[in-house]
C-alpha atoms as a PDB file:
ATOM      1  CA  UNK A   1     132.094  77.971  87.137  1.00  0.00           C
ATOM      2  CA  UNK A   2     128.914  76.220  88.190  1.00  0.00           C
ATOM      3  CA  UNK A   3     125.799  78.088  87.204  1.00  0.00           C
ATOM      4  CA  UNK A   4     123.994  79.701  90.117  1.00  0.00           C
ATOM      5  CA  UNK A   5     126.989  79.728  92.460  1.00  0.00           C
ATOM      6  CA  UNK A   6     128.978  82.731  91.320  1.00  0.00           C
ATOM      7  CA  UNK A   7     128.653  86.272  90.203  1.00  0.00           C
ATOM      8  CA  UNK A   8     125.228  87.784  90.315  1.00  0.00           C
ATOM      9  CA  UNK A   9     123.928  90.033  93.001  1.00  0.00           C
ATOM     10  CA  UNK A  10     123.180  89.248  96.581  1.00  0.00           C
ATOM     11  CA  UNK A  11     119.778  89.866  98.012  1.00  0.00           C
ATOM     12  CA  UNK A  12     119.783  90.721 101.688  1.00  0.00           C
ATOM     13  CA  UNK A  13     116.572  91.004 103.643  1.00  0.00           C
ATOM     14  CA  UNK A  14     116.533  93.708 106.288  1.00  0.00           C
ATOM     15  CA  UNK A  15     113.711  93.664 108.805  1.00  0.00           C
ATOM     16  CA  UNK A  16     112.873  97.152 110.032  1.00  0.00           C
ATOM     17  CA  UNK A  17     111.727  97.206 113.612  1.00  0.00           C
ATOM     18  CA  UNK A  18     112.295  99.447 116.605  1.00  0.00           C
ATOM     19  CA  UNK A  19     115.514  97.658 117.520  1.00  0.00           C
ATOM     20  CA  UNK A  20     116.876  98.248 114.011  1.00  0.00           C
ATOM     21  CA  UNK A  21     116.739 101.993 114.607  1.00  0.00           C
ATOM     22  CA  UNK A  22     119.325 101.680 117.366  1.00  0.00           C
ATOM     23  CA  UNK A  23     122.032 100.694 114.910  1.00  0.00           C
ATOM     24  CA  UNK A  24     124.135 103.617 113.837  1.00  0.00           C
ATOM     25  CA  UNK A  25     123.300 105.704 116.901  1.00  0.00           C
ATOM     26  CA  UNK A  26     126.061 107.434 118.845  1.00  0.00           C
ATOM     27  CA  UNK A  27     127.569 105.685 121.849  1.00  0.00           C
ATOM     28  CA  UNK A  28     126.024 105.011 124.381  1.00  0.00           C
ATOM     29  CA  UNK A  29     122.599 105.312 122.713  1.00  0.00           C
ATOM     30  CA  UNK A  30     123.331 102.325 120.504  1.00  0.00           C
ATOM     31  CA  UNK A  31     122.740 100.171 123.594  1.00  0.00           C
ATOM     32  CA  UNK A  32     118.975  99.554 123.792  1.00  0.00           C
ATOM     33  CA  UNK A  33     118.613 100.085 127.547  1.00  0.00           C
ATOM     34  CA  UNK A  34     120.399 103.429 127.547  1.00  0.00           C
ATOM     35  CA  UNK A  35     118.103 105.080 125.025  1.00  0.00           C
ATOM     36  CA  UNK A  36     115.017 103.599 126.686  1.00  0.00           C
ATOM     37  CA  UNK A  37     116.163 104.790 130.116  1.00  0.00           C
ATOM     38  CA  UNK A  38     116.819 108.302 128.829  1.00  0.00           C
ATOM     39  CA  UNK A  39     113.406 108.487 127.174  1.00  0.00           C
ATOM     40  CA  UNK A  40     111.101 106.763 129.626  1.00  0.00           C
ATOM     41  CA  UNK A  41     112.708 106.238 133.037  1.00  0.00           C
ATOM     42  CA  UNK A  42     113.196 108.673 135.896  1.00  0.00           C
ATOM     43  CA  UNK A  43     116.986 108.669 135.911  1.00  0.00           C
ATOM     44  CA  UNK A  44     117.463 111.613 138.250  1.00  0.00           C
ATOM     45  CA  UNK A  45     119.409 113.550 135.618  1.00  0.00           C
ATOM     46  CA  UNK A  46     118.899 117.295 135.835  1.00  0.00           C
ATOM     47  CA  UNK A  47     118.412 118.848 132.388  1.00  0.00           C
ATOM     48  CA  UNK A  48     118.556 122.507 131.396  1.00  0.00           C
ATOM     49  CA  UNK A  49     115.679 123.985 129.388  1.00  0.00           C
ATOM     50  CA  UNK A  50     117.279 123.320 126.004  1.00  0.00           C
ATOM     51  CA  UNK A  51     117.941 119.696 126.937  1.00  0.00           C
ATOM     52  CA  UNK A  52     114.382 119.276 128.236  1.00  0.00           C
ATOM     53  CA  UNK A  53     113.003 120.551 124.940  1.00  0.00           C
ATOM     54  CA  UNK A  54     115.262 118.232 122.955  1.00  0.00           C
ATOM     55  CA  UNK A  55     114.335 115.291 125.194  1.00  0.00           C
ATOM     56  CA  UNK A  56     110.637 115.977 124.608  1.00  0.00           C
ATOM     57  CA  UNK A  57     111.288 116.168 120.860  1.00  0.00           C
ATOM     58  CA  UNK A  58     113.207 112.902 121.036  1.00  0.00           C
ATOM     59  CA  UNK A  59     110.377 111.172 122.916  1.00  0.00           C
ATOM     60  CA  UNK A  60     107.837 112.404 120.389  1.00  0.00           C
ATOM     61  CA  UNK A  61     110.037 111.313 117.487  1.00  0.00           C
ATOM     62  CA  UNK A  62     110.624 107.874 119.009  1.00  0.00           C
ATOM     63  CA  UNK A  63     106.915 107.275 119.589  1.00  0.00           C
ATOM     64  CA  UNK A  64     106.058 108.565 116.110  1.00  0.00           C
ATOM     65  CA  UNK A  65     108.690 106.331 114.513  1.00  0.00           C
ATOM     66  CA  UNK A  66     107.350 103.227 116.269  1.00  0.00           C
ATOM     67  CA  UNK A  67     103.788 104.080 115.212  1.00  0.00           C
ATOM     68  CA  UNK A  68     104.931 104.836 111.653  1.00  0.00           C
ATOM     69  CA  UNK A  69     106.805 101.530 111.435  1.00  0.00           C
ATOM     70  CA  UNK A  70     103.719  99.669 112.617  1.00  0.00           C
ATOM     71  CA  UNK A  71     101.381 101.250 110.084  1.00  0.00           C
ATOM     72  CA  UNK A  72     103.968 100.863 107.323  1.00  0.00           C
ATOM     73  CA  UNK A  73     104.358  97.160 108.125  1.00  0.00           C
ATOM     74  CA  UNK A  74     100.589  96.605 107.946  1.00  0.00           C
ATOM     75  CA  UNK A  75     100.308  98.407 104.622  1.00  0.00           C
ATOM     76  CA  UNK A  76     103.371  96.569 103.313  1.00  0.00           C
ATOM     77  CA  UNK A  77     101.695  93.225 104.039  1.00  0.00           C
ATOM     78  CA  UNK A  78      98.561  94.375 102.233  1.00  0.00           C
ATOM     79  CA  UNK A  79     100.605  95.438  99.203  1.00  0.00           C
ATOM     80  CA  UNK A  80     102.443  92.115  99.120  1.00  0.00           C
ATOM     81  CA  UNK A  81      99.081  90.294  99.066  1.00  0.00           C
ATOM     82  CA  UNK A  82      97.863  92.543  96.258  1.00  0.00           C
ATOM     83  CA  UNK A  83     101.096  91.966  94.314  1.00  0.00           C
ATOM     84  CA  UNK A  84     100.512  88.206  94.523  1.00  0.00           C
ATOM     85  CA  UNK A  85      97.199  88.696  92.709  1.00  0.00           C
ATOM     86  CA  UNK A  86      98.497  91.168  90.136  1.00  0.00           C
ATOM     87  CA  UNK A  87     102.260  90.811  89.946  1.00  0.00           C
ATOM     88  CA  UNK A  88     102.611  93.193  87.001  1.00  0.00           C
ATOM     89  CA  UNK A  89     101.169  96.189  88.838  1.00  0.00           C
ATOM     90  CA  UNK A  90     103.753  98.953  88.587  1.00  0.00           C
ATOM     91  CA  UNK A  91     101.685 101.191  90.898  1.00  0.00           C
ATOM     92  CA  UNK A  92     101.908  98.686  93.750  1.00  0.00           C
ATOM     93  CA  UNK A  93     105.649  98.249  93.267  1.00  0.00           C
ATOM     94  CA  UNK A  94     106.109 102.018  93.178  1.00  0.00           C
ATOM     95  CA  UNK A  95     104.054 102.409  96.347  1.00  0.00           C
ATOM     96  CA  UNK A  96     106.160  99.761  98.069  1.00  0.00           C
ATOM     97  CA  UNK A  97     109.359 101.536  97.042  1.00  0.00           C
ATOM     98  CA  UNK A  98     107.989 104.889  98.222  1.00  0.00           C
ATOM     99  CA  UNK A  99     107.055 103.370 101.572  1.00  0.00           C
ATOM    100  CA  UNK A 100     110.562 102.009 101.961  1.00  0.00           C
ATOM    101  CA  UNK A 101     112.066 105.427 101.235  1.00  0.00           C
ATOM    102  CA  UNK A 102     109.689 107.109 103.710  1.00  0.00           C
ATOM    103  CA  UNK A 103     110.722 104.646 106.417  1.00  0.00           C
ATOM    104  CA  UNK A 104     114.408 105.241 105.740  1.00  0.00           C
ATOM    105  CA  UNK A 105     113.893 108.992 105.907  1.00  0.00           C
ATOM    106  CA  UNK A 106     111.969 108.744 109.194  1.00  0.00           C
ATOM    107  CA  UNK A 107     114.704 106.554 110.669  1.00  0.00           C
ATOM    108  CA  UNK A 108     117.470 108.952 109.621  1.00  0.00           C
ATOM    109  CA  UNK A 109     115.554 111.919 111.027  1.00  0.00           C
ATOM    110  CA  UNK A 110     115.184 110.098 114.350  1.00  0.00           C
ATOM    111  CA  UNK A 111     118.910 109.360 114.379  1.00  0.00           C
ATOM    112  CA  UNK A 112     119.633 113.043 113.724  1.00  0.00           C
ATOM    113  CA  UNK A 113     117.582 114.006 116.769  1.00  0.00           C
ATOM    114  CA  UNK A 114     119.440 111.432 118.892  1.00  0.00           C
ATOM    115  CA  UNK A 115     122.729 112.907 117.660  1.00  0.00           C
ATOM    116  CA  UNK A 116     121.554 116.392 118.624  1.00  0.00           C
ATOM    117  CA  UNK A 117     120.605 115.151 122.096  1.00  0.00           C
ATOM    118  CA  UNK A 118     123.969 113.434 122.424  1.00  0.00           C
ATOM    119  CA  UNK A 119     125.706 116.719 121.624  1.00  0.00           C
ATOM    120  CA  UNK A 120     123.730 118.547 124.317  1.00  0.00           C
ATOM    121  CA  UNK A 121     124.465 116.143 127.171  1.00  0.00           C
ATOM    122  CA  UNK A 122     127.354 116.833 129.524  1.00  0.00           C
ATOM    123  CA  UNK A 123     129.851 114.286 130.815  1.00  0.00           C
ATOM    124  CA  UNK A 124     128.231 114.156 134.273  1.00  0.00           C
ATOM    125  CA  UNK A 125     124.848 113.463 132.688  1.00  0.00           C
ATOM    126  CA  UNK A 126     126.320 110.624 130.618  1.00  0.00           C
ATOM    127  CA  UNK A 127     127.917 109.144 133.724  1.00  0.00           C
ATOM    128  CA  UNK A 128     124.623 109.303 135.593  1.00  0.00           C
ATOM    129  CA  UNK A 129     122.742 107.736 132.661  1.00  0.00           C
ATOM    130  CA  UNK A 130     125.259 104.898 132.328  1.00  0.00           C
ATOM    131  CA  UNK A 131     125.218 104.264 136.074  1.00  0.00           C
ATOM    132  CA  UNK A 132     121.411 104.124 135.998  1.00  0.00           C
ATOM    133  CA  UNK A 133     121.627 101.707 133.047  1.00  0.00           C
ATOM    134  CA  UNK A 134     124.067  99.427 134.954  1.00  0.00           C
ATOM    135  CA  UNK A 135     126.858 100.027 132.474  1.00  0.00           C
ATOM    136  CA  UNK A 136     130.287 100.397 134.024  1.00  0.00           C
ATOM    137  CA  UNK A 137     132.214 103.521 133.078  1.00  0.00           C
END
């Protein structure tokens, strides 16, 4: 076998942004417009008190996740610059790994809240949300 073309491990780069958080969400929230419409548009859906509370929690979590991703990305760039100057710094590599784990945890917690909201919605509310989002049912 030719050296460099077989075996070994693959390195995949995953860019974490707000669109990446929509992967793995329950249907129909895995479609970007649907989640956005639920969170930020006046869809005309009538929610009970429990659903209103969950929707407020979901909005807060979404906004916090976007802000967290932004600050994490800035710090990550700073760490990468510092690593270029001192590539043997275990502290910087550990900090980078910890940041990655924190981002994964925040993303999973957001997805859990979306799942909880999905469980609370009724069929009529889904139909209204999909109609508002121009998605045929």
